[in-house]
Amino acid sequence: MATSITEKTKFTYKDYLKTPDDKRYELVEGELLMTPSPATCHEWILKNIGYELESFSEDKTLESPLLTDLKIKLSEVFEF
């Protein structure tokens, strides 16, 4: 009896950029995941990132960062 093995599609950062604009997706090791609403901890982390970016922009005379559409790309390939 033959067994069919189905490979999962590996998504890329370009694929991620094509997702709907509801900001509920994450790309983890080539897998596209729909994420739940942010928890309180997530909001605190976002606030701290915003504070650091704001401090940087004041020092460098850049415009104030908007965090509503913040995307952080760590690398093309996730490695430990």
PDB file of N, CA and C in Angstrom:
ATOM      1  N   MET A   1       0.840  -1.177   0.000  1.00  0.00           N
ATOM      2  CA  MET A   1       0.000   0.000   0.000  1.00  0.00           C
ATOM      3  C   MET A   1       0.890   1.248   0.000  1.00  0.00           C
ATOM      4  N   ALA A   2       0.679   2.120  -0.959  1.00  0.00           N
ATOM      5  CA  ALA A   2       1.476   3.338  -1.079  1.00  0.00           C
ATOM      6  C   ALA A   2       0.947   4.415  -0.147  1.00  0.00           C
ATOM      7  N   THR A   3       1.857   5.177   0.399  1.00  0.00           N
ATOM      8  CA  THR A   3       1.484   6.279   1.283  1.00  0.00           C
ATOM      9  C   THR A   3       1.910   7.585   0.637  1.00  0.00           C
ATOM     10  N   SER A   4       0.996   8.528   0.604  1.00  0.00           N
ATOM     11  CA  SER A   4       1.297   9.839   0.042  1.00  0.00           C
ATOM     12  C   SER A   4       1.775  10.764   1.160  1.00  0.00           C
ATOM     13  N   ILE A   5       2.914  11.389   0.944  1.00  0.00           N
ATOM     14  CA  ILE A   5       3.434  12.343   1.911  1.00  0.00           C
ATOM     15  C   ILE A   5       3.248  13.737   1.325  1.00  0.00           C
ATOM     16  N   THR A   6       2.535  14.561   2.058  1.00  0.00           N
ATOM     17  CA  THR A   6       2.279  15.919   1.611  1.00  0.00           C
ATOM     18  C   THR A   6       3.244  16.863   2.314  1.00  0.00           C
ATOM     19  N   GLU A   7       3.985  17.614   1.525  1.00  0.00           N
ATOM     20  CA  GLU A   7       4.899  18.590   2.107  1.00  0.00           C
ATOM     21  C   GLU A   7       4.143  19.869   2.423  1.00  0.00           C
ATOM     22  N   LYS A   8       4.478  20.472   3.555  1.00  0.00           N
ATOM     23  CA  LYS A   8       3.899  21.761   3.893  1.00  0.00           C
ATOM     24  C   LYS A   8       4.550  22.835   3.029  1.00  0.00           C
ATOM     25  N   THR A   9       3.762  23.798   2.637  1.00  0.00           N
ATOM     26  CA  THR A   9       4.289  24.928   1.889  1.00  0.00           C
ATOM     27  C   THR A   9       5.082  25.813   2.835  1.00  0.00           C
ATOM     28  N   LYS A  10       6.288  26.178   2.438  1.00  0.00           N
ATOM     29  CA  LYS A  10       7.100  27.106   3.222  1.00  0.00           C
ATOM     30  C   LYS A  10       6.813  28.517   2.728  1.00  0.00           C
ATOM     31  N   PHE A  11       6.299  29.345   3.595  1.00  0.00           N
ATOM     32  CA  PHE A  11       5.999  30.716   3.244  1.00  0.00           C
ATOM     33  C   PHE A  11       7.241  31.582   3.426  1.00  0.00           C
ATOM     34  N   THR A  12       7.324  32.630   2.634  1.00  0.00           N
ATOM     35  CA  THR A  12       8.448  33.564   2.702  1.00  0.00           C
ATOM     36  C   THR A  12       7.970  34.897   3.263  1.00  0.00           C
ATOM     37  N   TYR A  13       8.916  35.782   3.513  1.00  0.00           N
ATOM     38  CA  TYR A  13       8.571  37.124   3.976  1.00  0.00           C
ATOM     39  C   TYR A  13       7.723  37.848   2.932  1.00  0.00           C
ATOM     40  N   LYS A  14       7.998  37.623   1.654  1.00  0.00           N
ATOM     41  CA  LYS A  14       7.183  38.230   0.594  1.00  0.00           C
ATOM     42  C   LYS A  14       5.747  37.720   0.663  1.00  0.00           C
ATOM     43  N   ASP A  15       5.557  36.425   0.953  1.00  0.00           N
ATOM     44  CA  ASP A  15       4.209  35.870   1.124  1.00  0.00           C
ATOM     45  C   ASP A  15       3.508  36.542   2.299  1.00  0.00           C
ATOM     46  N   TYR A  16       4.255  36.715   3.382  1.00  0.00           N
ATOM     47  CA  TYR A  16       3.696  37.355   4.578  1.00  0.00           C
ATOM     48  C   TYR A  16       3.172  38.754   4.255  1.00  0.00           C
ATOM     49  N   LEU A  17       3.917  39.498   3.444  1.00  0.00           N
ATOM     50  CA  LEU A  17       3.505  40.857   3.098  1.00  0.00           C
ATOM     51  C   LEU A  17       2.209  40.885   2.293  1.00  0.00           C
ATOM     52  N   LYS A  18       1.806  39.757   1.718  1.00  0.00           N
ATOM     53  CA  LYS A  18       0.575  39.677   0.925  1.00  0.00           C
ATOM     54  C   LYS A  18      -0.643  39.293   1.766  1.00  0.00           C
ATOM     55  N   THR A  19      -0.462  39.058   3.065  1.00  0.00           N
ATOM     56  CA  THR A  19      -1.591  38.658   3.912  1.00  0.00           C
ATOM     57  C   THR A  19      -2.548  39.825   4.091  1.00  0.00           C
ATOM     58  N   PRO A  20      -3.807  39.537   4.464  1.00  0.00           N
ATOM     59  CA  PRO A  20      -4.774  40.617   4.694  1.00  0.00           C
ATOM     60  C   PRO A  20      -4.234  41.625   5.709  1.00  0.00           C
ATOM     61  N   ASP A  21      -4.703  42.840   5.597  1.00  0.00           N
ATOM     62  CA  ASP A  21      -4.169  43.928   6.412  1.00  0.00           C
ATOM     63  C   ASP A  21      -4.789  43.995   7.810  1.00  0.00           C
ATOM     64  N   ASP A  22      -5.219  42.860   8.356  1.00  0.00           N
ATOM     65  CA  ASP A  22      -5.798  42.892   9.705  1.00  0.00           C
ATOM     66  C   ASP A  22      -4.752  42.647  10.785  1.00  0.00           C
ATOM     67  N   LYS A  23      -3.487  42.492  10.385  1.00  0.00           N
ATOM     68  CA  LYS A  23      -2.337  42.393  11.292  1.00  0.00           C
ATOM     69  C   LYS A  23      -2.437  41.229  12.267  1.00  0.00           C
ATOM     70  N   ARG A  24      -3.002  40.115  11.842  1.00  0.00           N
ATOM     71  CA  ARG A  24      -3.172  38.977  12.743  1.00  0.00           C
ATOM     72  C   ARG A  24      -2.336  37.780  12.306  1.00  0.00           C
ATOM     73  N   TYR A  25      -1.294  38.016  11.542  1.00  0.00           N
ATOM     74  CA  TYR A  25      -0.476  36.914  11.040  1.00  0.00           C
ATOM     75  C   TYR A  25       0.966  37.044  11.501  1.00  0.00           C
ATOM     76  N   GLU A  26       1.609  35.905  11.703  1.00  0.00           N
ATOM     77  CA  GLU A  26       3.040  35.848  11.995  1.00  0.00           C
ATOM     78  C   GLU A  26       3.645  34.771  11.113  1.00  0.00           C
ATOM     79  N   LEU A  27       4.890  34.966  10.758  1.00  0.00           N
ATOM     80  CA  LEU A  27       5.622  33.988   9.962  1.00  0.00           C
ATOM     81  C   LEU A  27       6.687  33.373  10.859  1.00  0.00           C
ATOM     82  N   VAL A  28       6.548  32.080  11.149  1.00  0.00           N
ATOM     83  CA  VAL A  28       7.472  31.387  12.048  1.00  0.00           C
ATOM     84  C   VAL A  28       8.016  30.157  11.335  1.00  0.00           C
ATOM     85  N   GLU A  29       9.316  30.160  11.072  1.00  0.00           N
ATOM     86  CA  GLU A  29       9.985  29.040  10.413  1.00  0.00           C
ATOM     87  C   GLU A  29       9.259  28.582   9.145  1.00  0.00           C
ATOM     88  N   GLY A  30       8.816  29.538   8.341  1.00  0.00           N
ATOM     89  CA  GLY A  30       8.169  29.226   7.079  1.00  0.00           C
ATOM     90  C   GLY A  30       6.701  28.875   7.191  1.00  0.00           C
ATOM     91  N   GLU A  31       6.154  28.914   8.407  1.00  0.00           N
ATOM     92  CA  GLU A  31       4.741  28.595   8.609  1.00  0.00           C
ATOM     93  C   GLU A  31       3.985  29.885   8.903  1.00  0.00           C
ATOM     94  N   LEU A  32       2.888  30.101   8.180  1.00  0.00           N
ATOM     95  CA  LEU A  32       2.075  31.291   8.365  1.00  0.00           C
ATOM     96  C   LEU A  32       1.031  31.002   9.433  1.00  0.00           C
ATOM     97  N   LEU A  33       1.068  31.754  10.523  1.00  0.00           N
ATOM     98  CA  LEU A  33       0.176  31.520  11.652  1.00  0.00           C
ATOM     99  C   LEU A  33      -0.744  32.709  11.863  1.00  0.00           C
ATOM    100  N   MET A  34      -2.008  32.429  12.153  1.00  0.00           N
ATOM    101  CA  MET A  34      -2.930  33.484  12.539  1.00  0.00           C
ATOM    102  C   MET A  34      -2.818  33.638  14.047  1.00  0.00           C
ATOM    103  N   THR A  35      -2.586  34.844  14.505  1.00  0.00           N
ATOM    104  CA  THR A  35      -2.345  35.072  15.919  1.00  0.00           C
ATOM    105  C   THR A  35      -3.587  35.598  16.633  1.00  0.00           C
ATOM    106  N   PRO A  36      -3.705  35.290  17.918  1.00  0.00           N
ATOM    107  CA  PRO A  36      -4.823  35.826  18.701  1.00  0.00           C
ATOM    108  C   PRO A  36      -4.592  37.304  19.009  1.00  0.00           C
ATOM    109  N   SER A  37      -5.581  37.939  19.586  1.00  0.00           N
ATOM    110  CA  SER A  37      -5.416  39.328  20.014  1.00  0.00           C
ATOM    111  C   SER A  37      -4.281  39.411  21.024  1.00  0.00           C
ATOM    112  N   PRO A  38      -3.568  40.522  21.054  1.00  0.00           N
ATOM    113  CA  PRO A  38      -2.417  40.627  21.949  1.00  0.00           C
ATOM    114  C   PRO A  38      -2.804  40.588  23.422  1.00  0.00           C
ATOM    115  N   ALA A  39      -1.945  39.965  24.216  1.00  0.00           N
ATOM    116  CA  ALA A  39      -2.136  39.914  25.660  1.00  0.00           C
ATOM    117  C   ALA A  39      -1.520  41.165  26.285  1.00  0.00           C
ATOM    118  N   THR A  40      -1.776  41.364  27.550  1.00  0.00           N
ATOM    119  CA  THR A  40      -1.248  42.528  28.257  1.00  0.00           C
ATOM    120  C   THR A  40       0.273  42.589  28.177  1.00  0.00           C
ATOM    121  N   CYS A  41       0.931  41.445  28.319  1.00  0.00           N
ATOM    122  CA  CYS A  41       2.398  41.387  28.242  1.00  0.00           C
ATOM    123  C   CYS A  41       2.878  41.915  26.889  1.00  0.00           C
ATOM    124  N   HIS A  42       2.192  41.525  25.828  1.00  0.00           N
ATOM    125  CA  HIS A  42       2.547  41.983  24.481  1.00  0.00           C
ATOM    126  C   HIS A  42       2.429  43.504  24.391  1.00  0.00           C
ATOM    127  N   GLU A  43       1.381  44.040  24.977  1.00  0.00           N
ATOM    128  CA  GLU A  43       1.176  45.489  24.934  1.00  0.00           C
ATOM    129  C   GLU A  43       2.296  46.228  25.667  1.00  0.00           C
ATOM    130  N   TRP A  44       2.756  45.678  26.790  1.00  0.00           N
ATOM    131  CA  TRP A  44       3.866  46.291  27.525  1.00  0.00           C
ATOM    132  C   TRP A  44       5.155  46.242  26.700  1.00  0.00           C
ATOM    133  N   ILE A  45       5.402  45.127  26.032  1.00  0.00           N
ATOM    134  CA  ILE A  45       6.593  45.007  25.183  1.00  0.00           C
ATOM    135  C   ILE A  45       6.533  46.035  24.058  1.00  0.00           C
ATOM    136  N   LEU A  46       5.373  46.159  23.427  1.00  0.00           N
ATOM    137  CA  LEU A  46       5.193  47.132  22.355  1.00  0.00           C
ATOM    138  C   LEU A  46       5.424  48.549  22.865  1.00  0.00           C
ATOM    139  N   LYS A  47       4.912  48.840  24.057  1.00  0.00           N
ATOM    140  CA  LYS A  47       5.113  50.154  24.672  1.00  0.00           C
ATOM    141  C   LYS A  47       6.601  50.424  24.887  1.00  0.00           C
ATOM    142  N   ASN A  48       7.337  49.430  25.380  1.00  0.00           N
ATOM    143  CA  ASN A  48       8.772  49.602  25.625  1.00  0.00           C
ATOM    144  C   ASN A  48       9.555  49.788  24.327  1.00  0.00           C
ATOM    145  N   ILE A  49       9.198  49.031  23.292  1.00  0.00           N
ATOM    146  CA  ILE A  49       9.845  49.216  21.987  1.00  0.00           C
ATOM    147  C   ILE A  49       9.564  50.628  21.480  1.00  0.00           C
ATOM    148  N   GLY A  50       8.325  51.064  21.623  1.00  0.00           N
ATOM    149  CA  GLY A  50       7.946  52.411  21.202  1.00  0.00           C
ATOM    150  C   GLY A  50       8.728  53.486  21.932  1.00  0.00           C
ATOM    151  N   TYR A  51       8.916  53.284  23.235  1.00  0.00           N
ATOM    152  CA  TYR A  51       9.685  54.246  24.029  1.00  0.00           C
ATOM    153  C   TYR A  51      11.125  54.341  23.518  1.00  0.00           C
ATOM    154  N   GLU A  52      11.734  53.190  23.264  1.00  0.00           N
ATOM    155  CA  GLU A  52      13.116  53.184  22.770  1.00  0.00           C
ATOM    156  C   GLU A  52      13.220  53.844  21.394  1.00  0.00           C
ATOM    157  N   LEU A  53      12.263  53.557  20.515  1.00  0.00           N
ATOM    158  CA  LEU A  53      12.278  54.180  19.186  1.00  0.00           C
ATOM    159  C   LEU A  53      12.065  55.685  19.292  1.00  0.00           C
ATOM    160  N   GLU A  54      11.173  56.081  20.187  1.00  0.00           N
ATOM    161  CA  GLU A  54      10.905  57.507  20.400  1.00  0.00           C
ATOM    162  C   GLU A  54      12.169  58.214  20.896  1.00  0.00           C
ATOM    163  N   SER A  55      12.870  57.603  21.837  1.00  0.00           N
ATOM    164  CA  SER A  55      14.113  58.186  22.360  1.00  0.00           C
ATOM    165  C   SER A  55      15.149  58.322  21.249  1.00  0.00           C
ATOM    166  N   PHE A  56      15.264  57.294  20.422  1.00  0.00           N
ATOM    167  CA  PHE A  56      16.207  57.323  19.306  1.00  0.00           C
ATOM    168  C   PHE A  56      15.836  58.429  18.325  1.00  0.00           C
ATOM    169  N   SER A  57      14.556  58.537  17.991  1.00  0.00           N
ATOM    170  CA  SER A  57      14.144  59.506  16.976  1.00  0.00           C
ATOM    171  C   SER A  57      14.338  60.935  17.465  1.00  0.00           C
ATOM    172  N   GLU A  58      14.162  61.192  18.762  1.00  0.00           N
ATOM    173  CA  GLU A  58      14.404  62.533  19.291  1.00  0.00           C
ATOM    174  C   GLU A  58      15.881  62.894  19.170  1.00  0.00           C
ATOM    175  N   ASP A  59      16.750  61.924  19.441  1.00  0.00           N
ATOM    176  CA  ASP A  59      18.189  62.172  19.356  1.00  0.00           C
ATOM    177  C   ASP A  59      18.645  62.375  17.914  1.00  0.00           C
ATOM    178  N   LYS A  60      18.009  61.747  16.983  1.00  0.00           N
ATOM    179  CA  LYS A  60      18.449  61.763  15.588  1.00  0.00           C
ATOM    180  C   LYS A  60      17.566  62.632  14.697  1.00  0.00           C
ATOM    181  N   THR A  61      16.670  63.405  15.281  1.00  0.00           N
ATOM    182  CA  THR A  61      15.728  64.277  14.575  1.00  0.00           C
ATOM    183  C   THR A  61      14.937  63.552  13.486  1.00  0.00           C
ATOM    184  N   LEU A  62      14.477  62.346  13.802  1.00  0.00           N
ATOM    185  CA  LEU A  62      13.592  61.615  12.906  1.00  0.00           C
ATOM    186  C   LEU A  62      12.159  61.832  13.352  1.00  0.00           C
ATOM    187  N   GLU A  63      11.209  61.520  12.486  1.00  0.00           N
ATOM    188  CA  GLU A  63       9.814  61.630  12.880  1.00  0.00           C
ATOM    189  C   GLU A  63       9.484  60.603  13.948  1.00  0.00           C
ATOM    190  N   SER A  64       8.475  60.899  14.727  1.00  0.00           N
ATOM    191  CA  SER A  64       8.032  59.985  15.784  1.00  0.00           C
ATOM    192  C   SER A  64       7.525  58.688  15.162  1.00  0.00           C
ATOM    193  N   PRO A  65       7.958  57.540  15.681  1.00  0.00           N
ATOM    194  CA  PRO A  65       7.518  56.258  15.110  1.00  0.00           C
ATOM    195  C   PRO A  65       6.068  55.949  15.444  1.00  0.00           C
ATOM    196  N   LEU A  66       5.374  55.362  14.509  1.00  0.00           N
ATOM    197  CA  LEU A  66       4.015  54.878  14.748  1.00  0.00           C
ATOM    198  C   LEU A  66       4.074  53.371  14.883  1.00  0.00           C
ATOM    199  N   LEU A  67       3.523  52.839  15.966  1.00  0.00           N
ATOM    200  CA  LEU A  67       3.638  51.414  16.229  1.00  0.00           C
ATOM    201  C   LEU A  67       2.431  50.616  15.756  1.00  0.00           C
ATOM    202  N   THR A  68       1.456  51.261  15.157  1.00  0.00           N
ATOM    203  CA  THR A  68       0.267  50.526  14.742  1.00  0.00           C
ATOM    204  C   THR A  68       0.551  49.545  13.617  1.00  0.00           C
ATOM    205  N   ASP A  69       1.582  49.793  12.838  1.00  0.00           N
ATOM    206  CA  ASP A  69       1.917  48.904  11.721  1.00  0.00           C
ATOM    207  C   ASP A  69       3.375  48.463  11.816  1.00  0.00           C
ATOM    208  N   LEU A  70       3.834  48.219  13.026  1.00  0.00           N
ATOM    209  CA  LEU A  70       5.225  47.843  13.244  1.00  0.00           C
ATOM    210  C   LEU A  70       5.458  46.390  12.861  1.00  0.00           C
ATOM    211  N   LYS A  71       6.457  46.165  12.015  1.00  0.00           N
ATOM    212  CA  LYS A  71       6.864  44.807  11.644  1.00  0.00           C
ATOM    213  C   LYS A  71       8.332  44.670  11.991  1.00  0.00           C
ATOM    214  N   ILE A  72       8.676  43.619  12.707  1.00  0.00           N
ATOM    215  CA  ILE A  72      10.067  43.386  13.071  1.00  0.00           C
ATOM    216  C   ILE A  72      10.526  42.118  12.380  1.00  0.00           C
ATOM    217  N   LYS A  73      11.475  42.260  11.484  1.00  0.00           N
ATOM    218  CA  LYS A  73      12.018  41.120  10.749  1.00  0.00           C
ATOM    219  C   LYS A  73      13.367  40.775  11.363  1.00  0.00           C
ATOM    220  N   LEU A  74      13.435  39.621  12.018  1.00  0.00           N
ATOM    221  CA  LEU A  74      14.664  39.230  12.688  1.00  0.00           C
ATOM    222  C   LEU A  74      15.682  38.667  11.718  1.00  0.00           C
ATOM    223  N   SER A  75      15.250  37.824  10.779  1.00  0.00           N
ATOM    224  CA  SER A  75      16.152  37.271   9.772  1.00  0.00           C
ATOM    225  C   SER A  75      15.333  36.529   8.728  1.00  0.00           C
ATOM    226  N   GLU A  76      15.966  36.173   7.632  1.00  0.00           N
ATOM    227  CA  GLU A  76      15.295  35.373   6.606  1.00  0.00           C
ATOM    228  C   GLU A  76      15.031  33.963   7.115  1.00  0.00           C
ATOM    229  N   VAL A  77      15.954  33.445   7.912  1.00  0.00           N
ATOM    230  CA  VAL A  77      15.855  32.082   8.431  1.00  0.00           C
ATOM    231  C   VAL A  77      15.935  32.140   9.947  1.00  0.00           C
ATOM    232  N   PHE A  78      15.014  31.465  10.601  1.00  0.00           N
ATOM    233  CA  PHE A  78      15.007  31.430  12.061  1.00  0.00           C
ATOM    234  C   PHE A  78      15.968  30.361  12.536  1.00  0.00           C
ATOM    235  N   GLU A  79      16.956  30.751  13.312  1.00  0.00           N
ATOM    236  CA  GLU A  79      17.943  29.799  13.815  1.00  0.00           C
ATOM    237  C   GLU A  79      18.191  30.052  15.290  1.00  0.00           C
ATOM    238  N   PHE A  80      18.557  28.987  16.023  1.00  0.00           N
ATOM    239  CA  PHE A  80      18.964  29.137  17.419  1.00  0.00           C
ATOM    240  C   PHE A  80      20.460  29.119  17.482  1.00  0.00           C
TER     241      PHE A  80
END
